[in-house]
Amino acid sequence: MSATRKHKCVRCGIAVHLLGAECQHCSHPARTFDAPDLPGAICAQTDPEAFFPERGRSSAQAKAVCAKCDVIAECLKYALEHDERFGIWGGLSEHERRRIRAAERTRAAA
């Protein structure tokens, strides 16, 4: 699986269109990250801002897109393997992915 270079805020994770541009949410600079290039991913045809909702905002729009996507499992796998800490990946929020990783660590320790 190859990756596509994208940019997001170093503080809040919101998608930013230009590297080094300030985030409109918190004024921190953007950094580059590698997003998976998943053929058939419908998020590529959707506003990336929906996948990085501001704190306290609903993630329902992004999760609805994910629910219709044929590559949701591959996307989640990528996010877990690359420790993505921001945004909706594979239909799950950063909090939901942390719970999965914690459960995996618990199982591995048992």
N, C-alpha and C. Protein backbone atom coordinates (compact mmCIF):
# COMPACT_ATOMS: atom_id res chain seq x y z
N MET A 1 0.85 -1.17 0.00
CA MET A 1 0.00 0.00 0.00
C MET A 1 0.89 1.23 0.00
N SER A 2 0.70 2.11 -0.92
CA SER A 2 1.47 3.35 -0.95
C SER A 2 0.76 4.40 -0.11
N ALA A 3 1.42 5.53 0.06
CA ALA A 3 0.83 6.59 0.88
C ALA A 3 0.82 7.89 0.09
N THR A 4 -0.11 8.74 0.44
CA THR A 4 -0.24 10.06 -0.16
C THR A 4 0.14 11.09 0.90
N ARG A 5 0.95 12.07 0.54
CA ARG A 5 1.36 13.09 1.49
C ARG A 5 0.21 14.07 1.69
N LYS A 6 -0.17 14.26 2.93
CA LYS A 6 -1.22 15.20 3.30
C LYS A 6 -0.68 16.07 4.41
N HIS A 7 -1.41 17.07 4.82
CA HIS A 7 -0.98 17.97 5.88
C HIS A 7 -2.08 18.10 6.92
N LYS A 8 -1.66 18.18 8.19
CA LYS A 8 -2.62 18.42 9.25
C LYS A 8 -1.94 19.20 10.37
N CYS A 9 -2.73 19.85 11.18
CA CYS A 9 -2.26 20.68 12.28
C CYS A 9 -1.48 19.84 13.28
N VAL A 10 -0.35 20.36 13.76
CA VAL A 10 0.46 19.62 14.73
C VAL A 10 -0.21 19.54 16.09
N ARG A 11 -1.15 20.41 16.36
CA ARG A 11 -1.80 20.43 17.68
C ARG A 11 -3.12 19.70 17.70
N CYS A 12 -4.02 20.04 16.79
CA CYS A 12 -5.37 19.48 16.88
C CYS A 12 -5.69 18.46 15.80
N GLY A 13 -4.81 18.30 14.82
CA GLY A 13 -5.00 17.27 13.82
C GLY A 13 -5.93 17.61 12.68
N ILE A 14 -6.44 18.82 12.64
CA ILE A 14 -7.35 19.21 11.56
C ILE A 14 -6.58 19.31 10.25
N ALA A 15 -7.19 18.86 9.18
CA ALA A 15 -6.55 18.91 7.87
C ALA A 15 -6.27 20.36 7.48
N VAL A 16 -5.06 20.59 6.98
CA VAL A 16 -4.63 21.91 6.51
C VAL A 16 -4.15 21.71 5.08
N HIS A 17 -4.51 22.59 4.19
CA HIS A 17 -4.24 22.38 2.78
C HIS A 17 -2.80 22.64 2.37
N LEU A 18 -2.06 23.49 3.08
CA LEU A 18 -0.69 23.80 2.70
C LEU A 18 0.26 23.53 3.86
N LEU A 19 1.36 22.87 3.58
CA LEU A 19 2.37 22.62 4.61
C LEU A 19 2.87 23.94 5.16
N GLY A 20 2.91 24.06 6.47
CA GLY A 20 3.37 25.28 7.12
C GLY A 20 2.30 26.32 7.32
N ALA A 21 1.15 26.15 6.67
CA ALA A 21 0.05 27.10 6.86
C ALA A 21 -0.48 26.95 8.27
N GLU A 22 -1.05 28.01 8.78
CA GLU A 22 -1.61 27.96 10.12
C GLU A 22 -2.99 27.31 10.09
N CYS A 23 -3.26 26.53 11.12
CA CYS A 23 -4.56 25.91 11.30
C CYS A 23 -5.59 27.01 11.58
N GLN A 24 -6.72 26.96 10.95
CA GLN A 24 -7.76 27.96 11.17
C GLN A 24 -8.41 27.78 12.54
N HIS A 25 -8.24 26.60 13.13
CA HIS A 25 -8.84 26.31 14.42
C HIS A 25 -7.99 26.82 15.58
N CYS A 26 -6.67 26.56 15.53
CA CYS A 26 -5.84 26.88 16.69
C CYS A 26 -4.56 27.65 16.36
N SER A 27 -4.34 28.00 15.10
CA SER A 27 -3.20 28.80 14.63
C SER A 27 -1.84 28.12 14.74
N HIS A 28 -1.80 26.81 14.93
CA HIS A 28 -0.53 26.10 14.92
C HIS A 28 -0.18 25.70 13.49
N PRO A 29 1.09 25.44 13.20
CA PRO A 29 1.48 25.09 11.83
C PRO A 29 1.08 23.67 11.46
N ALA A 30 1.00 23.43 10.17
CA ALA A 30 0.67 22.10 9.66
C ALA A 30 1.94 21.27 9.55
N ARG A 31 1.76 19.97 9.64
CA ARG A 31 2.85 19.05 9.38
C ARG A 31 2.39 18.08 8.30
N THR A 32 3.32 17.42 7.68
CA THR A 32 2.99 16.45 6.65
C THR A 32 2.83 15.08 7.30
N PHE A 33 1.88 14.33 6.83
CA PHE A 33 1.74 12.95 7.28
C PHE A 33 1.39 12.10 6.06
N ASP A 34 1.63 10.84 6.16
CA ASP A 34 1.36 9.93 5.06
C ASP A 34 0.00 9.28 5.26
N ALA A 35 -0.92 9.61 4.37
CA ALA A 35 -2.23 8.98 4.39
C ALA A 35 -2.19 7.79 3.44
N PRO A 36 -2.83 6.70 3.80
CA PRO A 36 -2.78 5.53 2.93
C PRO A 36 -3.48 5.80 1.61
N ASP A 37 -2.94 5.26 0.56
CA ASP A 37 -3.57 5.36 -0.75
C ASP A 37 -4.37 4.07 -0.93
N LEU A 38 -5.62 4.10 -0.53
CA LEU A 38 -6.47 2.93 -0.58
C LEU A 38 -7.43 3.04 -1.76
N PRO A 39 -7.18 2.30 -2.82
CA PRO A 39 -8.11 2.34 -3.95
C PRO A 39 -9.52 2.00 -3.49
N GLY A 40 -10.46 2.82 -3.87
CA GLY A 40 -11.85 2.62 -3.50
C GLY A 40 -12.26 3.37 -2.24
N ALA A 41 -11.32 4.05 -1.60
CA ALA A 41 -11.66 4.80 -0.38
C ALA A 41 -12.51 6.01 -0.76
N ILE A 42 -13.73 6.06 -0.27
CA ILE A 42 -14.61 7.16 -0.65
C ILE A 42 -14.30 8.45 0.10
N CYS A 43 -13.49 8.36 1.15
CA CYS A 43 -13.11 9.58 1.86
C CYS A 43 -12.27 10.49 0.99
N ALA A 44 -11.60 9.92 -0.01
CA ALA A 44 -10.77 10.72 -0.91
C ALA A 44 -11.62 11.68 -1.74
N GLN A 45 -12.92 11.42 -1.82
CA GLN A 45 -13.82 12.27 -2.58
C GLN A 45 -14.67 13.14 -1.65
N THR A 46 -14.28 13.22 -0.39
CA THR A 46 -15.04 13.93 0.64
C THR A 46 -14.17 15.01 1.25
N ASP A 47 -14.79 16.03 1.79
CA ASP A 47 -14.06 17.10 2.46
C ASP A 47 -13.24 16.52 3.61
N PRO A 48 -11.92 16.66 3.60
CA PRO A 48 -11.09 16.08 4.67
C PRO A 48 -11.38 16.66 6.04
N GLU A 49 -11.91 17.87 6.10
CA GLU A 49 -12.22 18.49 7.39
C GLU A 49 -13.22 17.64 8.18
N ALA A 50 -14.09 16.92 7.48
CA ALA A 50 -15.10 16.09 8.16
C ALA A 50 -14.43 15.00 8.99
N PHE A 51 -13.24 14.57 8.60
CA PHE A 51 -12.55 13.49 9.28
C PHE A 51 -11.68 13.96 10.43
N PHE A 52 -11.60 15.26 10.62
CA PHE A 52 -10.85 15.86 11.72
C PHE A 52 -11.74 16.90 12.41
N PRO A 53 -12.85 16.44 13.01
CA PRO A 53 -13.78 17.39 13.64
C PRO A 53 -13.12 18.08 14.84
N GLU A 54 -13.49 19.31 15.05
CA GLU A 54 -12.98 20.04 16.21
C GLU A 54 -13.43 19.32 17.48
N ARG A 55 -12.65 19.49 18.54
CA ARG A 55 -12.98 18.86 19.82
C ARG A 55 -14.41 19.24 20.22
N GLY A 56 -15.18 18.24 20.58
CA GLY A 56 -16.56 18.46 21.00
C GLY A 56 -17.56 18.42 19.86
N ARG A 57 -17.08 18.43 18.62
CA ARG A 57 -17.98 18.37 17.46
C ARG A 57 -18.27 16.93 17.09
N SER A 58 -19.34 16.73 16.39
CA SER A 58 -19.77 15.39 16.00
C SER A 58 -18.88 14.81 14.91
N SER A 59 -18.63 13.53 15.02
CA SER A 59 -17.89 12.80 13.99
C SER A 59 -18.85 11.97 13.14
N ALA A 60 -20.14 12.19 13.30
CA ALA A 60 -21.16 11.38 12.63
C ALA A 60 -21.04 11.44 11.11
N GLN A 61 -20.72 12.62 10.55
CA GLN A 61 -20.62 12.74 9.09
C GLN A 61 -19.50 11.85 8.56
N ALA A 62 -18.34 11.90 9.19
CA ALA A 62 -17.21 11.08 8.74
C ALA A 62 -17.51 9.59 8.93
N LYS A 63 -18.09 9.24 10.06
CA LYS A 63 -18.40 7.85 10.33
C LYS A 63 -19.44 7.30 9.36
N ALA A 64 -20.35 8.16 8.91
CA ALA A 64 -21.35 7.74 7.90
C ALA A 64 -20.67 7.44 6.57
N VAL A 65 -19.67 8.25 6.22
CA VAL A 65 -18.90 7.99 4.99
C VAL A 65 -18.16 6.67 5.14
N CYS A 66 -17.51 6.47 6.27
CA CYS A 66 -16.75 5.24 6.52
C CYS A 66 -17.65 4.01 6.44
N ALA A 67 -18.86 4.12 6.97
CA ALA A 67 -19.77 2.98 7.00
C ALA A 67 -20.12 2.48 5.59
N LYS A 68 -20.03 3.35 4.60
CA LYS A 68 -20.34 2.99 3.22
C LYS A 68 -19.11 2.55 2.43
N CYS A 69 -17.94 2.61 3.05
CA CYS A 69 -16.68 2.41 2.33
C CYS A 69 -16.28 0.93 2.29
N ASP A 70 -15.80 0.51 1.14
CA ASP A 70 -15.37 -0.88 0.95
C ASP A 70 -14.03 -1.19 1.60
N VAL A 71 -13.24 -0.17 1.93
CA VAL A 71 -11.90 -0.40 2.49
C VAL A 71 -11.79 0.06 3.95
N ILE A 72 -12.91 0.04 4.68
CA ILE A 72 -12.93 0.48 6.06
C ILE A 72 -11.97 -0.34 6.93
N ALA A 73 -11.92 -1.65 6.73
CA ALA A 73 -11.04 -2.50 7.55
C ALA A 73 -9.57 -2.19 7.29
N GLU A 74 -9.21 -1.99 6.02
CA GLU A 74 -7.83 -1.67 5.67
C GLU A 74 -7.43 -0.31 6.24
N CYS A 75 -8.34 0.63 6.23
CA CYS A 75 -8.10 1.96 6.76
C CYS A 75 -7.86 1.90 8.27
N LEU A 76 -8.69 1.15 8.98
CA LEU A 76 -8.52 1.00 10.42
C LEU A 76 -7.20 0.31 10.73
N LYS A 77 -6.87 -0.71 9.97
CA LYS A 77 -5.60 -1.42 10.17
C LYS A 77 -4.43 -0.45 10.01
N TYR A 78 -4.48 0.38 8.97
CA TYR A 78 -3.42 1.36 8.75
C TYR A 78 -3.30 2.30 9.95
N ALA A 79 -4.42 2.80 10.43
CA ALA A 79 -4.42 3.75 11.55
C ALA A 79 -3.85 3.12 12.81
N LEU A 80 -4.19 1.88 13.07
CA LEU A 80 -3.68 1.20 14.25
C LEU A 80 -2.19 0.90 14.12
N GLU A 81 -1.76 0.46 12.93
CA GLU A 81 -0.35 0.15 12.71
C GLU A 81 0.54 1.39 12.74
N HIS A 82 -0.01 2.55 12.34
CA HIS A 82 0.77 3.79 12.28
C HIS A 82 0.46 4.73 13.44
N ASP A 83 -0.28 4.25 14.43
CA ASP A 83 -0.59 5.00 15.63
C ASP A 83 -1.14 6.39 15.32
N GLU A 84 -2.10 6.44 14.38
CA GLU A 84 -2.74 7.71 14.05
C GLU A 84 -3.49 8.21 15.27
N ARG A 85 -3.16 9.40 15.73
CA ARG A 85 -3.73 9.92 16.97
C ARG A 85 -4.83 10.95 16.74
N PHE A 86 -5.05 11.34 15.51
CA PHE A 86 -6.06 12.35 15.24
C PHE A 86 -7.00 11.87 14.15
N GLY A 87 -8.24 12.31 14.24
CA GLY A 87 -9.19 12.10 13.17
C GLY A 87 -9.90 10.76 13.20
N ILE A 88 -10.80 10.62 12.25
CA ILE A 88 -11.58 9.41 12.07
C ILE A 88 -10.88 8.56 11.03
N TRP A 89 -10.55 7.34 11.40
CA TRP A 89 -9.88 6.39 10.50
C TRP A 89 -10.61 5.06 10.64
N GLY A 90 -10.99 4.46 9.55
CA GLY A 90 -11.66 3.17 9.61
C GLY A 90 -12.95 3.21 10.40
N GLY A 91 -13.59 4.37 10.43
CA GLY A 91 -14.86 4.52 11.12
C GLY A 91 -14.76 4.74 12.62
N LEU A 92 -13.54 4.87 13.15
CA LEU A 92 -13.37 5.03 14.58
C LEU A 92 -12.63 6.32 14.92
N SER A 93 -12.97 6.88 16.05
CA SER A 93 -12.31 8.10 16.54
C SER A 93 -10.99 7.73 17.20
N GLU A 94 -10.19 8.74 17.51
CA GLU A 94 -8.92 8.49 18.20
C GLU A 94 -9.16 7.80 19.54
N HIS A 95 -10.22 8.18 20.26
CA HIS A 95 -10.54 7.56 21.55
C HIS A 95 -10.89 6.08 21.36
N GLU A 96 -11.68 5.78 20.36
CA GLU A 96 -12.07 4.39 20.09
C GLU A 96 -10.86 3.55 19.70
N ARG A 97 -9.94 4.12 18.92
CA ARG A 97 -8.72 3.39 18.55
C ARG A 97 -7.81 3.17 19.76
N ARG A 98 -7.75 4.14 20.68
CA ARG A 98 -6.96 3.95 21.91
C ARG A 98 -7.49 2.77 22.72
N ARG A 99 -8.81 2.63 22.78
CA ARG A 99 -9.40 1.50 23.51
C ARG A 99 -9.01 0.17 22.87
N ILE A 100 -8.99 0.12 21.55
CA ILE A 100 -8.58 -1.11 20.85
C ILE A 100 -7.12 -1.44 21.17
N ARG A 101 -6.25 -0.43 21.10
CA ARG A 101 -4.83 -0.67 21.39
C ARG A 101 -4.64 -1.11 22.85
N ALA A 102 -5.40 -0.52 23.77
CA ALA A 102 -5.29 -0.91 25.17
C ALA A 102 -5.74 -2.35 25.37
N ALA A 103 -6.81 -2.74 24.71
CA ALA A 103 -7.30 -4.12 24.81
C ALA A 103 -6.28 -5.09 24.21
N GLU A 104 -5.63 -4.70 23.12
CA GLU A 104 -4.60 -5.55 22.50
C GLU A 104 -3.41 -5.71 23.45
N ARG A 105 -3.02 -4.63 24.13
CA ARG A 105 -1.91 -4.72 25.08
C ARG A 105 -2.27 -5.62 26.26
N THR A 106 -3.52 -5.52 26.72
CA THR A 106 -3.98 -6.37 27.82
C THR A 106 -3.95 -7.84 27.44
N ARG A 107 -4.43 -8.14 26.24
CA ARG A 107 -4.42 -9.53 25.76
C ARG A 107 -2.99 -10.05 25.61
N ALA A 108 -2.10 -9.19 25.12
CA ALA A 108 -0.70 -9.60 24.91
C ALA A 108 0.00 -9.85 26.26
N ALA A 109 -0.38 -9.11 27.27
CA ALA A 109 0.24 -9.25 28.60
C ALA A 109 -0.28 -10.46 29.35
N ALA A 110 -1.45 -10.97 28.94
CA ALA A 110 -2.06 -12.10 29.67
C ALA A 110 -1.40 -13.42 29.32
